């Protein structure tokens, strides 16, 4: 009987833990004001083509597009040379060890040394992924920057759509020629 009362009290105390929140969680900060800009061109398809030319000129690789929706996903990666070896000496450890003692009618001394040859770890990648959404009269840009270790571990990840980056990309898009599509 006591156990039943305990289970009832436990169940009542946990009821608040299963209720849903009234809003969905938000990830990250809102877009910088310069990352949303009006499109002056009437043809969004032509503006999308300009954007692809501009992104490829900045060494982005186009991952996916749906030009009917005005969606462009792009990515660029570069190796961060020496970034993984910060705080590492490259030898993998080592040292000097030994012993000295006497007993059983004799004296002994031992000395040894060791060195590890682990070498440097492979350098991580800096990966930038961006999404450009082009509506009828507005373009929106979001960018994520990740540092990925050689073993796949994500060292850091953050939103990278800064005012300067968005302003520079917008100017590059508007200065780019329209790429003609071959049949």
N, C-alpha and C. Protein backbone atom coordinates (compact mmCIF):
# COMPACT_ATOMS: atom_id res chain seq x y z
N UNK A 1 0.82 -1.19 0.00
CA UNK A 1 0.00 0.00 0.00
C UNK A 1 0.87 1.26 0.00
N UNK A 2 1.92 1.20 0.78
CA UNK A 2 2.82 2.33 0.85
C UNK A 2 3.51 2.58 -0.50
N UNK A 3 3.87 1.50 -1.13
CA UNK A 3 4.54 1.59 -2.42
C UNK A 3 3.63 2.23 -3.47
N UNK A 4 2.37 1.92 -3.43
CA UNK A 4 1.41 2.47 -4.37
C UNK A 4 1.29 3.98 -4.18
N UNK A 5 1.23 4.44 -2.95
CA UNK A 5 1.16 5.88 -2.68
C UNK A 5 2.42 6.58 -3.18
N UNK A 6 3.56 5.94 -2.98
CA UNK A 6 4.83 6.51 -3.43
C UNK A 6 4.84 6.66 -4.96
N UNK A 7 4.38 5.63 -5.67
CA UNK A 7 4.34 5.69 -7.13
C UNK A 7 3.37 6.76 -7.62
N UNK A 8 2.24 6.92 -6.94
CA UNK A 8 1.29 7.96 -7.32
C UNK A 8 1.88 9.34 -7.13
N UNK A 9 2.56 9.56 -6.02
CA UNK A 9 3.19 10.86 -5.78
C UNK A 9 4.32 11.12 -6.79
N UNK A 10 5.08 10.10 -7.11
CA UNK A 10 6.14 10.24 -8.09
C UNK A 10 5.55 10.58 -9.46
N UNK A 11 4.49 9.92 -9.84
CA UNK A 11 3.84 10.20 -11.11
C UNK A 11 3.28 11.60 -11.18
N UNK A 12 2.67 12.07 -10.11
CA UNK A 12 2.13 13.43 -10.08
C UNK A 12 3.24 14.47 -10.12
N UNK A 13 4.36 14.19 -9.52
CA UNK A 13 5.45 15.16 -9.53
C UNK A 13 6.11 15.26 -10.91
N UNK A 14 6.01 14.22 -11.72
CA UNK A 14 6.62 14.23 -13.04
C UNK A 14 5.68 14.69 -14.15
N UNK A 15 4.46 14.99 -13.83
CA UNK A 15 3.49 15.38 -14.87
C UNK A 15 3.95 16.64 -15.60
N UNK A 16 4.53 17.58 -14.91
CA UNK A 16 4.99 18.81 -15.55
C UNK A 16 6.12 18.59 -16.52
N UNK A 17 6.82 17.48 -16.43
CA UNK A 17 7.97 17.23 -17.31
C UNK A 17 7.57 16.80 -18.71
N UNK A 18 6.33 16.41 -18.92
CA UNK A 18 5.93 15.90 -20.22
C UNK A 18 5.10 16.89 -21.01
N UNK A 19 4.91 18.09 -20.51
CA UNK A 19 4.13 19.07 -21.27
C UNK A 19 5.00 19.70 -22.34
N UNK A 20 4.40 20.06 -23.45
CA UNK A 20 5.13 20.68 -24.56
C UNK A 20 5.30 22.16 -24.32
N UNK A 21 6.36 22.71 -24.92
CA UNK A 21 6.53 24.15 -24.84
C UNK A 21 5.63 24.81 -25.87
N UNK A 22 5.37 26.09 -25.68
CA UNK A 22 4.45 26.78 -26.58
C UNK A 22 5.15 27.26 -27.85
N UNK A 23 6.48 27.22 -27.90
CA UNK A 23 7.18 27.64 -29.11
C UNK A 23 8.35 26.70 -29.38
N UNK A 24 8.77 26.70 -30.63
CA UNK A 24 9.91 25.88 -31.02
C UNK A 24 11.20 26.57 -30.63
N UNK A 25 12.25 25.80 -30.33
CA UNK A 25 13.53 26.43 -29.98
C UNK A 25 14.15 27.11 -31.20
N UNK A 26 14.87 28.19 -30.96
CA UNK A 26 15.57 28.91 -32.03
C UNK A 26 17.05 28.61 -31.92
N UNK A 27 17.68 28.43 -33.05
CA UNK A 27 19.10 28.12 -33.08
C UNK A 27 19.85 29.33 -33.63
N UNK A 28 20.69 29.92 -32.82
CA UNK A 28 21.55 31.00 -33.28
C UNK A 28 20.89 32.36 -33.30
N UNK A 29 21.66 33.32 -33.70
CA UNK A 29 21.22 34.70 -33.75
C UNK A 29 20.46 34.97 -35.05
N UNK A 30 19.64 36.00 -35.08
CA UNK A 30 18.96 36.34 -36.33
C UNK A 30 19.96 36.84 -37.36
N UNK A 31 19.53 36.87 -38.62
CA UNK A 31 20.40 37.32 -39.70
C UNK A 31 20.79 38.78 -39.51
N UNK A 32 22.02 39.08 -39.92
CA UNK A 32 22.47 40.47 -39.92
C UNK A 32 21.63 41.24 -40.94
N UNK A 33 21.36 42.52 -40.70
CA UNK A 33 20.52 43.29 -41.64
C UNK A 33 21.05 43.29 -43.07
N UNK A 34 22.36 43.26 -43.25
CA UNK A 34 22.92 43.27 -44.61
C UNK A 34 22.74 41.94 -45.33
N UNK A 35 22.31 40.88 -44.60
CA UNK A 35 22.13 39.56 -45.21
C UNK A 35 20.74 39.37 -45.79
N UNK A 36 19.95 40.41 -45.76
CA UNK A 36 18.65 40.44 -46.43
C UNK A 36 18.62 41.73 -47.24
N UNK A 37 18.46 41.61 -48.56
CA UNK A 37 18.48 42.81 -49.37
C UNK A 37 17.44 42.71 -50.48
N UNK A 38 16.96 43.86 -50.94
CA UNK A 38 15.97 43.86 -52.02
C UNK A 38 16.64 43.56 -53.36
N UNK A 39 15.89 42.91 -54.21
CA UNK A 39 16.38 42.59 -55.56
C UNK A 39 15.78 43.62 -56.51
N UNK A 40 16.63 44.26 -57.26
CA UNK A 40 16.16 45.27 -58.19
C UNK A 40 15.83 44.69 -59.56
N UNK A 41 16.35 43.49 -59.81
CA UNK A 41 16.13 42.83 -61.09
C UNK A 41 14.74 42.18 -61.10
N UNK A 42 14.06 42.26 -62.21
CA UNK A 42 12.72 41.67 -62.29
C UNK A 42 12.77 40.15 -62.42
N UNK A 43 13.77 39.65 -63.09
CA UNK A 43 13.87 38.22 -63.36
C UNK A 43 14.69 37.53 -62.26
N UNK A 44 14.04 36.78 -61.38
CA UNK A 44 14.76 36.10 -60.29
C UNK A 44 15.64 34.97 -60.80
N UNK A 45 15.29 34.39 -61.93
CA UNK A 45 16.13 33.34 -62.52
C UNK A 45 17.47 33.92 -62.96
N UNK A 46 17.45 35.08 -63.57
CA UNK A 46 18.69 35.73 -63.99
C UNK A 46 19.52 36.12 -62.77
N UNK A 47 18.87 36.58 -61.71
CA UNK A 47 19.59 36.95 -60.48
C UNK A 47 20.21 35.70 -59.83
N UNK A 48 19.50 34.58 -59.90
CA UNK A 48 20.04 33.33 -59.37
C UNK A 48 21.27 32.89 -60.15
N UNK A 49 21.23 33.06 -61.45
CA UNK A 49 22.40 32.71 -62.27
C UNK A 49 23.58 33.62 -61.96
N UNK A 50 23.31 34.90 -61.73
CA UNK A 50 24.38 35.81 -61.32
C UNK A 50 24.99 35.36 -59.99
N UNK A 51 24.13 34.93 -59.08
CA UNK A 51 24.60 34.49 -57.76
C UNK A 51 25.50 33.26 -57.89
N UNK A 52 25.15 32.33 -58.76
CA UNK A 52 25.97 31.13 -58.97
C UNK A 52 27.33 31.51 -59.52
N UNK A 53 27.38 32.44 -60.47
CA UNK A 53 28.66 32.90 -61.03
C UNK A 53 29.50 33.55 -59.93
N UNK A 54 28.88 34.37 -59.10
CA UNK A 54 29.60 35.06 -58.03
C UNK A 54 30.14 34.08 -56.99
N UNK A 55 29.33 33.09 -56.62
CA UNK A 55 29.78 32.11 -55.63
C UNK A 55 30.93 31.27 -56.16
N UNK A 56 30.84 30.84 -57.41
CA UNK A 56 31.93 30.06 -57.99
C UNK A 56 33.20 30.90 -58.13
N UNK A 57 33.07 32.20 -58.36
CA UNK A 57 34.24 33.07 -58.43
C UNK A 57 34.92 33.18 -57.06
N UNK A 58 34.17 33.00 -55.98
CA UNK A 58 34.74 33.03 -54.64
C UNK A 58 35.08 31.63 -54.13
N UNK A 59 35.23 30.68 -55.06
CA UNK A 59 35.65 29.31 -54.80
C UNK A 59 34.64 28.49 -54.00
N UNK A 60 33.38 28.85 -54.08
CA UNK A 60 32.33 28.01 -53.51
C UNK A 60 31.96 26.96 -54.55
N UNK A 61 31.63 25.79 -54.06
CA UNK A 61 31.15 24.71 -54.91
C UNK A 61 29.64 24.63 -54.72
N UNK A 62 28.90 24.67 -55.80
CA UNK A 62 27.44 24.62 -55.71
C UNK A 62 27.05 23.18 -55.38
N UNK A 63 26.37 23.01 -54.26
CA UNK A 63 25.95 21.67 -53.81
C UNK A 63 24.60 21.32 -54.38
N UNK A 64 23.67 22.26 -54.28
CA UNK A 64 22.29 21.96 -54.67
C UNK A 64 21.60 23.26 -55.05
N UNK A 65 20.75 23.19 -56.05
CA UNK A 65 19.97 24.36 -56.44
C UNK A 65 18.55 23.91 -56.78
N UNK A 66 17.64 24.78 -56.53
CA UNK A 66 16.27 24.64 -57.04
C UNK A 66 15.87 26.05 -57.47
N UNK A 67 16.17 26.36 -58.71
CA UNK A 67 15.97 27.72 -59.19
C UNK A 67 14.49 28.09 -59.29
N UNK A 68 13.61 27.10 -59.36
CA UNK A 68 12.18 27.44 -59.35
C UNK A 68 11.76 27.99 -57.99
N UNK A 69 12.47 27.58 -56.94
CA UNK A 69 12.22 28.11 -55.60
C UNK A 69 13.17 29.26 -55.26
N UNK A 70 14.19 29.46 -56.07
CA UNK A 70 15.19 30.48 -55.80
C UNK A 70 16.17 30.07 -54.71
N UNK A 71 16.45 28.77 -54.58
CA UNK A 71 17.29 28.25 -53.52
C UNK A 71 18.64 27.79 -54.07
N UNK A 72 19.72 28.28 -53.45
CA UNK A 72 21.08 27.89 -53.83
C UNK A 72 21.83 27.51 -52.57
N UNK A 73 22.40 26.31 -52.54
CA UNK A 73 23.26 25.85 -51.44
C UNK A 73 24.67 25.69 -51.98
N UNK A 74 25.64 26.24 -51.27
CA UNK A 74 27.03 26.18 -51.72
C UNK A 74 27.94 25.90 -50.53
N UNK A 75 29.15 25.46 -50.85
CA UNK A 75 30.10 25.09 -49.81
C UNK A 75 31.51 25.34 -50.31
N UNK A 76 32.41 25.74 -49.40
CA UNK A 76 33.83 25.78 -49.73
C UNK A 76 34.61 25.29 -48.51
N UNK A 77 35.72 24.62 -48.81
CA UNK A 77 36.56 24.05 -47.75
C UNK A 77 37.99 24.44 -48.00
N UNK A 78 38.73 24.60 -46.91
CA UNK A 78 40.17 24.79 -47.04
C UNK A 78 40.83 24.16 -45.83
N UNK A 79 42.05 23.67 -46.05
CA UNK A 79 42.81 23.03 -45.00
C UNK A 79 43.45 24.10 -44.13
N UNK A 80 43.34 23.94 -42.83
CA UNK A 80 43.97 24.86 -41.88
C UNK A 80 45.33 24.29 -41.49
N UNK A 81 46.34 24.65 -42.22
CA UNK A 81 47.67 24.10 -42.02
C UNK A 81 48.20 24.51 -40.66
N UNK A 82 48.62 23.51 -39.86
CA UNK A 82 49.19 23.77 -38.55
C UNK A 82 48.18 24.00 -37.44
N UNK A 83 46.90 24.07 -37.77
CA UNK A 83 45.88 24.35 -36.75
C UNK A 83 45.74 23.21 -35.75
N UNK A 84 45.97 21.97 -36.20
CA UNK A 84 45.82 20.83 -35.30
C UNK A 84 47.02 20.66 -34.40
N UNK A 85 48.16 21.25 -34.75
CA UNK A 85 49.36 21.03 -33.96
C UNK A 85 49.56 22.10 -32.90
N UNK A 86 48.60 22.97 -32.69
CA UNK A 86 48.74 23.99 -31.66
C UNK A 86 48.82 23.30 -30.30
N UNK A 87 49.90 23.55 -29.59
CA UNK A 87 50.10 22.95 -28.27
C UNK A 87 50.69 21.56 -28.31
N UNK A 88 51.07 21.08 -29.46
CA UNK A 88 51.68 19.75 -29.58
C UNK A 88 53.11 19.90 -30.05
N UNK A 89 54.00 19.03 -29.56
CA UNK A 89 55.39 19.13 -29.99
C UNK A 89 55.74 18.18 -31.14
N UNK A 90 54.85 17.31 -31.50
CA UNK A 90 55.09 16.44 -32.64
C UNK A 90 55.88 15.19 -32.34
N UNK A 91 56.39 15.06 -31.12
CA UNK A 91 57.18 13.88 -30.80
C UNK A 91 56.34 12.79 -30.15
N UNK A 92 55.21 13.10 -29.64
CA UNK A 92 54.34 12.07 -29.07
C UNK A 92 54.73 11.65 -27.67
N UNK A 93 55.66 12.31 -27.03
CA UNK A 93 56.04 11.98 -25.66
C UNK A 93 57.38 11.26 -25.60
N UNK A 94 57.85 11.04 -24.41
CA UNK A 94 59.13 10.38 -24.21
C UNK A 94 59.71 10.82 -22.88
N UNK A 95 60.93 10.45 -22.58
CA UNK A 95 61.55 10.88 -21.34
C UNK A 95 62.73 10.01 -20.97
N UNK A 96 63.26 10.26 -19.78
CA UNK A 96 64.38 9.51 -19.23
C UNK A 96 63.90 8.81 -17.97
N UNK A 97 64.30 7.58 -17.80
CA UNK A 97 63.89 6.83 -16.61
C UNK A 97 65.06 5.99 -16.13
N UNK A 98 64.98 5.52 -14.91
CA UNK A 98 66.05 4.69 -14.39
C UNK A 98 65.76 4.22 -12.98
N UNK A 99 66.73 3.47 -12.42
CA UNK A 99 66.59 2.97 -11.06
C UNK A 99 67.98 2.77 -10.47
N UNK A 100 68.00 2.76 -9.19
CA UNK A 100 69.26 2.47 -8.48
C UNK A 100 68.88 1.74 -7.20
N UNK A 101 69.72 0.83 -6.77
CA UNK A 101 69.41 0.12 -5.53
C UNK A 101 70.50 -0.86 -5.14
N UNK A 102 70.36 -1.36 -3.94
CA UNK A 102 71.30 -2.38 -3.47
C UNK A 102 70.52 -3.42 -2.70
N UNK A 103 71.09 -4.57 -2.59
CA UNK A 103 70.43 -5.63 -1.86
C UNK A 103 70.96 -6.97 -2.29
N UNK A 104 70.94 -7.89 -1.38
CA UNK A 104 71.42 -9.24 -1.66
C UNK A 104 72.90 -9.29 -1.98
N UNK A 105 73.67 -8.37 -1.40
CA UNK A 105 75.11 -8.41 -1.60
C UNK A 105 75.58 -7.71 -2.84
N UNK A 106 74.74 -6.92 -3.50
CA UNK A 106 75.19 -6.24 -4.70
C UNK A 106 74.57 -4.87 -4.85
N UNK A 107 75.07 -4.08 -5.75
CA UNK A 107 74.57 -2.74 -6.05
C UNK A 107 74.26 -2.70 -7.54
N UNK A 108 73.15 -2.08 -7.88
CA UNK A 108 72.79 -2.01 -9.29
C UNK A 108 72.30 -0.62 -9.68
N UNK A 109 72.55 -0.24 -10.88
CA UNK A 109 72.08 1.04 -11.42
C UNK A 109 71.54 0.75 -12.82
N UNK A 110 70.42 1.36 -13.12
CA UNK A 110 69.85 1.21 -14.46
C UNK A 110 69.46 2.57 -15.00
N UNK A 111 69.64 2.79 -16.27
CA UNK A 111 69.29 4.06 -16.88
C UNK A 111 68.75 3.77 -18.27
N UNK A 112 67.72 4.48 -18.64
CA UNK A 112 67.14 4.27 -19.96
C UNK A 112 66.51 5.55 -20.47
N UNK A 113 66.19 5.58 -21.71
CA UNK A 113 65.51 6.73 -22.29
C UNK A 113 64.52 6.23 -23.32
N UNK A 114 63.57 7.06 -23.61
CA UNK A 114 62.57 6.68 -24.60
C UNK A 114 62.08 7.91 -25.34
N UNK A 115 61.65 7.73 -26.55
CA UNK A 115 61.10 8.83 -27.35
C UNK A 115 59.94 8.27 -28.16
N UNK A 116 58.87 9.04 -28.23
CA UNK A 116 57.74 8.66 -29.06
C UNK A 116 57.82 9.38 -30.39
N UNK A 117 57.40 8.71 -31.41
CA UNK A 117 57.43 9.32 -32.74
C UNK A 117 56.02 9.32 -33.33
N UNK A 118 55.11 9.99 -32.61
CA UNK A 118 53.72 10.04 -33.04
C UNK A 118 53.51 10.93 -34.25
N UNK A 119 54.34 11.95 -34.41
CA UNK A 119 54.18 12.86 -35.53
C UNK A 119 53.01 13.81 -35.31
N UNK A 120 52.79 14.66 -36.28
CA UNK A 120 51.70 15.62 -36.19
C UNK A 120 50.41 14.98 -36.69
N UNK A 121 49.31 15.45 -36.13
CA UNK A 121 48.00 14.97 -36.58
C UNK A 121 47.67 15.63 -37.92
N UNK A 122 46.76 15.05 -38.66
CA UNK A 122 46.34 15.63 -39.93
C UNK A 122 45.64 16.96 -39.65
N UNK A 123 45.78 17.89 -40.56
CA UNK A 123 45.21 19.22 -40.37
C UNK A 123 43.70 19.21 -40.58
N UNK A 124 42.98 20.00 -39.81
CA UNK A 124 41.52 20.05 -39.95
C UNK A 124 41.09 20.91 -41.14
N UNK A 125 39.80 20.84 -41.44
CA UNK A 125 39.21 21.62 -42.52
C UNK A 125 38.36 22.75 -41.96
N UNK A 126 38.37 23.86 -42.64
CA UNK A 126 37.42 24.94 -42.36
C UNK A 126 36.37 24.85 -43.45
N UNK A 127 35.16 24.57 -43.05
CA UNK A 127 34.07 24.37 -44.01
C UNK A 127 33.06 25.49 -43.85
N UNK A 128 32.75 26.14 -44.96
CA UNK A 128 31.72 27.18 -44.99
C UNK A 128 30.57 26.67 -45.84
N UNK A 129 29.39 26.71 -45.28
CA UNK A 129 28.19 26.35 -46.04
C UNK A 129 27.26 27.54 -46.03
N UNK A 130 26.72 27.85 -47.19
CA UNK A 130 25.77 28.96 -47.22
C UNK A 130 24.54 28.58 -48.01
N UNK A 131 23.47 29.25 -47.66
CA UNK A 131 22.20 29.09 -48.35
C UNK A 131 21.74 30.48 -48.76
N UNK A 132 21.42 30.61 -50.03
CA UNK A 132 20.89 31.86 -50.57
C UNK A 132 19.48 31.58 -51.07
N UNK A 133 18.53 32.33 -50.54
CA UNK A 133 17.14 32.18 -50.94
C UNK A 133 16.71 33.46 -51.64
N UNK A 134 16.28 33.32 -52.88
CA UNK A 134 15.90 34.48 -53.69
C UNK A 134 14.41 34.41 -53.95
N UNK A 135 13.67 35.33 -53.32
CA UNK A 135 12.22 35.45 -53.54
C UNK A 135 11.96 36.37 -54.71
N UNK A 136 10.72 36.78 -54.84
CA UNK A 136 10.35 37.68 -55.93
C UNK A 136 11.06 39.02 -55.83
N UNK A 137 11.24 39.53 -54.62
CA UNK A 137 11.82 40.86 -54.46
C UNK A 137 12.88 40.95 -53.37
N UNK A 138 13.29 39.81 -52.78
CA UNK A 138 14.23 39.82 -51.66
C UNK A 138 15.20 38.64 -51.77
N UNK A 139 16.43 38.87 -51.35
CA UNK A 139 17.42 37.80 -51.23
C UNK A 139 17.80 37.67 -49.76
N UNK A 140 17.92 36.43 -49.28
CA UNK A 140 18.31 36.16 -47.89
C UNK A 140 19.49 35.19 -47.91
N UNK A 141 20.49 35.49 -47.08
CA UNK A 141 21.71 34.70 -47.05
C UNK A 141 21.98 34.24 -45.62
N UNK A 142 22.27 32.94 -45.48
CA UNK A 142 22.73 32.43 -44.18
C UNK A 142 24.00 31.61 -44.44
N UNK A 143 24.92 31.65 -43.47
CA UNK A 143 26.20 30.96 -43.63
C UNK A 143 26.61 30.33 -42.31
N UNK A 144 27.14 29.12 -42.38
CA UNK A 144 27.64 28.41 -41.21
C UNK A 144 29.10 28.06 -41.45
N UNK A 145 29.92 28.27 -40.42
CA UNK A 145 31.35 27.95 -40.50
C UNK A 145 31.66 26.89 -39.47
N UNK A 146 32.30 25.81 -39.92
CA UNK A 146 32.69 24.72 -39.01
C UNK A 146 34.16 24.41 -39.19
N UNK A 147 34.81 24.06 -38.08
CA UNK A 147 36.17 23.54 -38.11
C UNK A 147 36.04 22.05 -37.81
N UNK A 148 36.47 21.21 -38.75
CA UNK A 148 36.29 19.77 -38.64
C UNK A 148 37.65 19.09 -38.58
N UNK A 149 37.89 18.33 -37.52
CA UNK A 149 39.14 17.60 -37.37
C UNK A 149 39.22 16.49 -38.41
N UNK A 150 40.41 15.95 -38.61
CA UNK A 150 40.62 14.89 -39.61
C UNK A 150 39.82 13.63 -39.29
N UNK A 151 39.53 13.40 -38.01
CA UNK A 151 38.75 12.21 -37.63
C UNK A 151 37.24 12.46 -37.66
N UNK A 152 36.82 13.64 -38.15
CA UNK A 152 35.40 13.93 -38.28
C UNK A 152 34.80 14.70 -37.11
N UNK A 153 35.56 14.90 -36.04
CA UNK A 153 35.07 15.61 -34.87
C UNK A 153 34.94 17.09 -35.20
N UNK A 154 33.79 17.70 -34.91
CA UNK A 154 33.57 19.11 -35.17
C UNK A 154 34.12 19.90 -33.99
N UNK A 155 35.19 20.62 -34.23
CA UNK A 155 35.83 21.40 -33.16
C UNK A 155 35.00 22.61 -32.80
N UNK A 156 34.50 23.32 -33.80
CA UNK A 156 33.69 24.50 -33.55
C UNK A 156 32.72 24.70 -34.71
N UNK A 157 31.60 25.31 -34.41
CA UNK A 157 30.60 25.61 -35.42
C UNK A 157 29.87 26.89 -35.00
N UNK A 158 29.73 27.81 -35.94
CA UNK A 158 29.03 29.06 -35.62
C UNK A 158 28.47 29.68 -36.89
N UNK A 159 27.49 30.56 -36.69
CA UNK A 159 26.92 31.30 -37.81
C UNK A 159 27.95 32.31 -38.28
N UNK A 160 28.11 32.44 -39.58
CA UNK A 160 29.15 33.30 -40.10
C UNK A 160 28.65 34.32 -41.11
N UNK A 161 27.38 34.60 -41.11
CA UNK A 161 26.83 35.57 -42.06
C UNK A 161 26.97 36.97 -41.46
N UNK A 162 28.16 37.52 -41.56
CA UNK A 162 28.42 38.85 -41.00
C UNK A 162 28.00 39.93 -41.98
N UNK A 163 27.93 41.16 -41.48
CA UNK A 163 27.57 42.31 -42.32
C UNK A 163 28.52 42.44 -43.49
N UNK A 164 29.83 42.35 -43.21
CA UNK A 164 30.84 42.53 -44.26
C UNK A 164 30.75 41.45 -45.33
N UNK A 165 30.61 40.19 -44.91
CA UNK A 165 30.54 39.09 -45.87
C UNK A 165 29.31 39.26 -46.77
N UNK A 166 28.16 39.54 -46.18
CA UNK A 166 26.93 39.67 -46.97
C UNK A 166 27.00 40.86 -47.92
N UNK A 167 27.54 41.97 -47.46
CA UNK A 167 27.65 43.16 -48.30
C UNK A 167 28.58 42.89 -49.49
N UNK A 168 29.72 42.22 -49.22
CA UNK A 168 30.67 41.90 -50.27
C UNK A 168 30.07 40.94 -51.29
N UNK A 169 29.37 39.91 -50.82
CA UNK A 169 28.76 38.95 -51.74
C UNK A 169 27.68 39.62 -52.58
N UNK A 170 26.89 40.48 -51.97
CA UNK A 170 25.85 41.18 -52.73
C UNK A 170 26.47 42.02 -53.85
N UNK A 171 27.54 42.73 -53.55
CA UNK A 171 28.21 43.54 -54.58
C UNK A 171 28.78 42.66 -55.69
N UNK A 172 29.32 41.51 -55.31
CA UNK A 172 29.88 40.59 -56.31
C UNK A 172 28.77 40.03 -57.20
N UNK A 173 27.63 39.70 -56.60
CA UNK A 173 26.50 39.18 -57.38
C UNK A 173 26.03 40.22 -58.38
N UNK A 174 25.86 41.43 -57.91
CA UNK A 174 25.31 42.46 -58.79
C UNK A 174 26.29 42.88 -59.88
N UNK A 175 27.59 42.62 -59.68
CA UNK A 175 28.59 42.94 -60.70
C UNK A 175 28.85 41.77 -61.65
N UNK A 176 28.32 40.59 -61.34
CA UNK A 176 28.57 39.39 -62.16
C UNK A 176 27.68 39.37 -63.38
N UNK A 177 28.20 38.79 -64.47
CA UNK A 177 27.36 38.64 -65.66
C UNK A 177 26.39 37.47 -65.49
N UNK A 178 25.35 37.50 -66.26
CA UNK A 178 24.37 36.39 -66.23
C UNK A 178 24.93 35.25 -67.05
N UNK A 179 24.96 34.07 -66.47
CA UNK A 179 25.44 32.88 -67.18
C UNK A 179 24.31 32.35 -68.05
N UNK A 180 24.61 32.14 -69.30
CA UNK A 180 23.63 31.57 -70.21
C UNK A 180 23.59 30.06 -70.05
N UNK A 181 22.40 29.50 -70.09
CA UNK A 181 22.21 28.07 -69.96
C UNK A 181 22.17 27.47 -71.36
N UNK A 182 23.02 26.47 -71.58
CA UNK A 182 23.04 25.80 -72.88
C UNK A 182 22.01 24.68 -72.89
N UNK A 183 21.32 24.50 -74.00
CA UNK A 183 20.32 23.42 -74.06
C UNK A 183 20.95 22.06 -74.15
